[in-house]
Amino acid sequence: MNDRLFSRPLFVRAGKYIVQEIATIGDAIDFLSEWPECERDILHETALRACIEAHDGLKPLDAARNAIRGFARKKGILENPAEAMPWIADAMSKGGRASA
C-alpha cells in the first residue's frame, strides 16, 4: 500500500477501547476496506473513492484526508487526539503538533 503521509494524522475509534491512527493514504484505504459490508453506504463509497483516487495521483492527499475525516465525523468515530491519548496533549503543551 502507498505510505504517503497525510499532513496530520486522524484518530478514529475502531472498537470500544481501541483508537486507531490513520496517518497515510494506505492506512485510510485499509481502514475503509475493513469497514463491515453491512454498514457501507454512500459516505463510505465516497470516502473510499477519494482515497483510491489520491493513491492513484488523481486527487491531492488532503482531499482523501478530508473525505475520511468527514466519514469518521458522520459515523461518530472521529476522536480528538488530545482526549484519546493524553500523551499527545502533553506533547502539544510542550510545543508539539497534533490535531484532527
N, C-alpha and C. Protein backbone atom coordinates (compact mmCIF):
# COMPACT_ATOMS: atom_id res chain seq x y z
N MET A 1 0.85 -1.17 0.00
CA MET A 1 0.00 0.00 0.00
C MET A 1 0.90 1.24 0.00
N ASN A 2 0.41 2.29 -0.55
CA ASN A 2 1.16 3.54 -0.59
C ASN A 2 1.28 4.11 0.81
N ASP A 3 2.47 4.59 1.16
CA ASP A 3 2.67 5.09 2.52
C ASP A 3 2.85 6.60 2.58
N ARG A 4 2.31 7.33 1.60
CA ARG A 4 2.41 8.80 1.65
C ARG A 4 1.64 9.33 2.85
N LEU A 5 2.30 10.19 3.60
CA LEU A 5 1.74 10.72 4.85
C LEU A 5 0.74 11.84 4.61
N PHE A 6 -0.32 11.84 5.42
CA PHE A 6 -1.23 12.97 5.46
C PHE A 6 -0.51 14.12 6.16
N SER A 7 -1.01 15.34 6.00
CA SER A 7 -0.41 16.49 6.66
C SER A 7 -0.48 16.35 8.18
N ARG A 8 -1.56 15.73 8.67
CA ARG A 8 -1.73 15.44 10.10
C ARG A 8 -2.50 14.12 10.19
N PRO A 9 -2.15 13.27 11.13
CA PRO A 9 -2.89 12.01 11.26
C PRO A 9 -4.29 12.25 11.81
N LEU A 10 -5.16 11.32 11.53
CA LEU A 10 -6.51 11.30 12.11
C LEU A 10 -6.56 10.15 13.10
N PHE A 11 -7.44 10.28 14.07
CA PHE A 11 -7.63 9.22 15.05
C PHE A 11 -9.10 8.85 15.04
N VAL A 12 -9.38 7.56 14.90
CA VAL A 12 -10.76 7.07 14.86
C VAL A 12 -10.94 5.96 15.88
N ARG A 13 -12.14 5.87 16.38
CA ARG A 13 -12.49 4.80 17.31
C ARG A 13 -12.75 3.55 16.47
N ALA A 14 -11.95 2.52 16.70
CA ALA A 14 -12.05 1.28 15.94
C ALA A 14 -12.59 0.14 16.79
N GLY A 15 -13.07 0.44 17.96
CA GLY A 15 -13.62 -0.54 18.88
C GLY A 15 -13.90 0.15 20.19
N LYS A 16 -14.47 -0.59 21.11
CA LYS A 16 -14.84 0.02 22.39
C LYS A 16 -13.65 0.67 23.09
N TYR A 17 -12.50 0.03 23.07
CA TYR A 17 -11.32 0.54 23.75
C TYR A 17 -10.14 0.76 22.80
N ILE A 18 -10.40 0.86 21.53
CA ILE A 18 -9.33 0.97 20.54
C ILE A 18 -9.46 2.28 19.77
N VAL A 19 -8.37 3.03 19.73
CA VAL A 19 -8.27 4.22 18.90
C VAL A 19 -7.19 3.94 17.87
N GLN A 20 -7.55 4.11 16.61
CA GLN A 20 -6.64 3.80 15.52
C GLN A 20 -6.15 5.10 14.88
N GLU A 21 -4.86 5.16 14.61
CA GLU A 21 -4.28 6.31 13.92
C GLU A 21 -4.32 6.05 12.42
N ILE A 22 -4.76 7.04 11.67
CA ILE A 22 -4.74 6.98 10.21
C ILE A 22 -3.81 8.10 9.76
N ALA A 23 -2.59 7.72 9.41
CA ALA A 23 -1.55 8.70 9.09
C ALA A 23 -1.18 8.72 7.61
N THR A 24 -1.54 7.68 6.88
CA THR A 24 -1.15 7.59 5.47
C THR A 24 -2.36 7.24 4.62
N ILE A 25 -2.20 7.41 3.33
CA ILE A 25 -3.27 7.03 2.40
C ILE A 25 -3.51 5.53 2.47
N GLY A 26 -2.46 4.76 2.70
CA GLY A 26 -2.61 3.32 2.85
C GLY A 26 -3.42 2.95 4.07
N ASP A 27 -3.16 3.66 5.19
CA ASP A 27 -3.95 3.43 6.40
C ASP A 27 -5.43 3.69 6.13
N ALA A 28 -5.71 4.77 5.41
CA ALA A 28 -7.10 5.15 5.13
C ALA A 28 -7.80 4.10 4.28
N ILE A 29 -7.12 3.64 3.24
CA ILE A 29 -7.72 2.63 2.36
C ILE A 29 -7.93 1.33 3.13
N ASP A 30 -6.95 0.93 3.93
CA ASP A 30 -7.11 -0.28 4.74
C ASP A 30 -8.29 -0.16 5.70
N PHE A 31 -8.39 0.97 6.39
CA PHE A 31 -9.47 1.18 7.34
C PHE A 31 -10.83 1.08 6.64
N LEU A 32 -10.97 1.76 5.52
CA LEU A 32 -12.25 1.74 4.81
C LEU A 32 -12.54 0.38 4.18
N SER A 33 -11.50 -0.33 3.75
CA SER A 33 -11.69 -1.66 3.16
C SER A 33 -12.13 -2.68 4.20
N GLU A 34 -11.76 -2.45 5.46
CA GLU A 34 -12.13 -3.36 6.54
C GLU A 34 -13.48 -3.00 7.17
N TRP A 35 -14.08 -1.91 6.72
CA TRP A 35 -15.38 -1.49 7.26
C TRP A 35 -16.41 -2.58 6.95
N PRO A 36 -17.26 -2.95 7.90
CA PRO A 36 -18.23 -4.02 7.66
C PRO A 36 -19.12 -3.74 6.45
N GLU A 37 -19.25 -4.73 5.60
CA GLU A 37 -20.04 -4.56 4.38
C GLU A 37 -21.48 -4.15 4.66
N CYS A 38 -22.05 -4.67 5.74
CA CYS A 38 -23.45 -4.36 6.04
C CYS A 38 -23.64 -2.91 6.49
N GLU A 39 -22.53 -2.21 6.80
CA GLU A 39 -22.62 -0.81 7.24
C GLU A 39 -22.11 0.17 6.18
N ARG A 40 -21.78 -0.33 5.01
CA ARG A 40 -21.28 0.54 3.95
C ARG A 40 -22.44 1.30 3.31
N ASP A 41 -22.19 2.55 3.00
CA ASP A 41 -23.21 3.40 2.41
C ASP A 41 -22.53 4.40 1.47
N ILE A 42 -23.27 5.42 1.05
CA ILE A 42 -22.72 6.40 0.11
C ILE A 42 -21.55 7.17 0.73
N LEU A 43 -21.59 7.43 2.03
CA LEU A 43 -20.47 8.11 2.69
C LEU A 43 -19.20 7.26 2.59
N HIS A 44 -19.36 5.98 2.85
CA HIS A 44 -18.23 5.06 2.77
C HIS A 44 -17.69 5.00 1.34
N GLU A 45 -18.58 4.86 0.40
CA GLU A 45 -18.20 4.76 -1.01
C GLU A 45 -17.45 6.02 -1.46
N THR A 46 -17.95 7.18 -1.06
CA THR A 46 -17.33 8.45 -1.44
C THR A 46 -15.95 8.59 -0.83
N ALA A 47 -15.81 8.26 0.45
CA ALA A 47 -14.52 8.36 1.12
C ALA A 47 -13.51 7.38 0.50
N LEU A 48 -13.94 6.16 0.26
CA LEU A 48 -13.05 5.16 -0.33
C LEU A 48 -12.62 5.58 -1.72
N ARG A 49 -13.54 6.09 -2.51
CA ARG A 49 -13.22 6.54 -3.87
C ARG A 49 -12.20 7.68 -3.82
N ALA A 50 -12.40 8.63 -2.92
CA ALA A 50 -11.45 9.75 -2.79
C ALA A 50 -10.06 9.25 -2.41
N CYS A 51 -10.01 8.28 -1.51
CA CYS A 51 -8.72 7.73 -1.08
C CYS A 51 -8.03 6.98 -2.21
N ILE A 52 -8.78 6.20 -2.96
CA ILE A 52 -8.19 5.47 -4.09
C ILE A 52 -7.69 6.43 -5.16
N GLU A 53 -8.47 7.48 -5.43
CA GLU A 53 -8.05 8.46 -6.43
C GLU A 53 -6.81 9.23 -5.96
N ALA A 54 -6.70 9.51 -4.67
CA ALA A 54 -5.49 10.15 -4.15
C ALA A 54 -4.31 9.20 -4.24
N HIS A 55 -4.54 7.94 -3.95
CA HIS A 55 -3.49 6.92 -4.07
C HIS A 55 -2.97 6.85 -5.50
N ASP A 56 -3.89 6.97 -6.45
CA ASP A 56 -3.52 6.88 -7.87
C ASP A 56 -3.01 8.21 -8.43
N GLY A 57 -2.95 9.24 -7.59
CA GLY A 57 -2.44 10.54 -8.04
C GLY A 57 -3.46 11.41 -8.74
N LEU A 58 -4.73 11.03 -8.69
CA LEU A 58 -5.77 11.80 -9.37
C LEU A 58 -6.35 12.91 -8.49
N LYS A 59 -6.14 12.81 -7.19
CA LYS A 59 -6.60 13.81 -6.24
C LYS A 59 -5.47 14.08 -5.25
N PRO A 60 -5.46 15.27 -4.64
CA PRO A 60 -4.43 15.53 -3.62
C PRO A 60 -4.70 14.73 -2.34
N LEU A 61 -3.65 14.49 -1.58
CA LEU A 61 -3.80 13.75 -0.32
C LEU A 61 -4.77 14.43 0.63
N ASP A 62 -4.79 15.76 0.63
CA ASP A 62 -5.71 16.47 1.53
C ASP A 62 -7.17 16.17 1.20
N ALA A 63 -7.48 15.91 -0.06
CA ALA A 63 -8.86 15.56 -0.42
C ALA A 63 -9.23 14.22 0.20
N ALA A 64 -8.31 13.28 0.20
CA ALA A 64 -8.55 11.97 0.82
C ALA A 64 -8.67 12.12 2.33
N ARG A 65 -7.78 12.90 2.93
CA ARG A 65 -7.84 13.11 4.38
C ARG A 65 -9.16 13.75 4.78
N ASN A 66 -9.58 14.75 4.02
CA ASN A 66 -10.85 15.41 4.31
C ASN A 66 -12.03 14.45 4.15
N ALA A 67 -11.95 13.58 3.16
CA ALA A 67 -13.03 12.62 2.93
C ALA A 67 -13.14 11.62 4.08
N ILE A 68 -12.02 11.07 4.52
CA ILE A 68 -12.09 10.09 5.61
C ILE A 68 -12.42 10.79 6.92
N ARG A 69 -11.97 12.02 7.09
CA ARG A 69 -12.32 12.79 8.29
C ARG A 69 -13.84 13.03 8.33
N GLY A 70 -14.41 13.41 7.19
CA GLY A 70 -15.85 13.62 7.12
C GLY A 70 -16.62 12.33 7.38
N PHE A 71 -16.14 11.23 6.82
CA PHE A 71 -16.77 9.93 7.04
C PHE A 71 -16.76 9.58 8.52
N ALA A 72 -15.59 9.74 9.15
CA ALA A 72 -15.47 9.39 10.57
C ALA A 72 -16.34 10.30 11.44
N ARG A 73 -16.39 11.58 11.10
CA ARG A 73 -17.21 12.52 11.88
C ARG A 73 -18.69 12.15 11.76
N LYS A 74 -19.15 11.86 10.54
CA LYS A 74 -20.57 11.50 10.33
C LYS A 74 -20.92 10.19 11.02
N LYS A 75 -19.97 9.28 11.09
CA LYS A 75 -20.21 7.98 11.73
C LYS A 75 -20.03 8.05 13.25
N GLY A 76 -19.55 9.19 13.75
CA GLY A 76 -19.38 9.36 15.19
C GLY A 76 -18.17 8.65 15.75
N ILE A 77 -17.15 8.41 14.92
CA ILE A 77 -15.97 7.68 15.38
C ILE A 77 -14.70 8.53 15.34
N LEU A 78 -14.81 9.79 14.94
CA LEU A 78 -13.65 10.67 14.91
C LEU A 78 -13.27 11.02 16.33
N GLU A 79 -12.01 10.84 16.66
CA GLU A 79 -11.52 11.10 18.01
C GLU A 79 -10.65 12.35 18.03
N ASN A 80 -10.77 13.11 19.10
CA ASN A 80 -9.87 14.22 19.35
C ASN A 80 -8.59 13.60 19.90
N PRO A 81 -7.46 13.77 19.22
CA PRO A 81 -6.24 13.09 19.68
C PRO A 81 -5.84 13.46 21.10
N ALA A 82 -6.07 14.68 21.52
CA ALA A 82 -5.68 15.09 22.87
C ALA A 82 -6.51 14.37 23.93
N GLU A 83 -7.78 14.08 23.62
CA GLU A 83 -8.63 13.37 24.57
C GLU A 83 -8.39 11.86 24.50
N ALA A 84 -8.12 11.36 23.31
CA ALA A 84 -7.93 9.92 23.13
C ALA A 84 -6.61 9.43 23.73
N MET A 85 -5.59 10.27 23.61
CA MET A 85 -4.27 9.87 24.08
C MET A 85 -3.64 11.03 24.83
N PRO A 86 -3.68 11.00 26.14
CA PRO A 86 -3.16 12.12 26.94
C PRO A 86 -1.72 12.50 26.64
N TRP A 87 -0.89 11.57 26.20
CA TRP A 87 0.50 11.90 25.90
C TRP A 87 0.59 12.88 24.74
N ILE A 88 -0.42 12.89 23.85
CA ILE A 88 -0.43 13.86 22.75
C ILE A 88 -0.68 15.26 23.31
N ALA A 89 -1.62 15.37 24.24
CA ALA A 89 -1.90 16.67 24.86
C ALA A 89 -0.65 17.19 25.56
N ASP A 90 0.10 16.31 26.20
CA ASP A 90 1.33 16.70 26.87
C ASP A 90 2.35 17.21 25.85
N ALA A 91 2.47 16.53 24.73
CA ALA A 91 3.41 16.96 23.68
C ALA A 91 3.00 18.31 23.10
N MET A 92 1.70 18.52 22.94
CA MET A 92 1.21 19.78 22.40
C MET A 92 1.52 20.93 23.35
N SER A 93 1.42 20.69 24.65
CA SER A 93 1.69 21.74 25.61
C SER A 93 3.17 22.11 25.65
N LYS A 94 3.99 21.22 25.09
CA LYS A 94 5.44 21.48 25.05
C LYS A 94 5.89 21.95 23.67
N GLY A 95 4.92 22.38 22.85
CA GLY A 95 5.27 22.92 21.54
C GLY A 95 5.14 21.94 20.40
N GLY A 96 4.67 20.73 20.66
CA GLY A 96 4.47 19.76 19.60
C GLY A 96 3.24 20.09 18.79
N ARG A 97 2.90 19.23 17.83
CA ARG A 97 1.76 19.48 16.97
C ARG A 97 0.94 18.22 16.85
N ALA A 98 -0.32 18.32 17.15
CA ALA A 98 -1.24 17.21 16.94
C ALA A 98 -2.65 17.77 16.91
N SER A 99 -3.37 17.54 15.81
CA SER A 99 -4.76 17.98 15.72
C SER A 99 -5.47 17.21 14.64
N ALA A 100 -6.78 17.15 14.76
CA ALA A 100 -7.59 16.46 13.76
C ALA A 100 -8.05 17.47 12.83
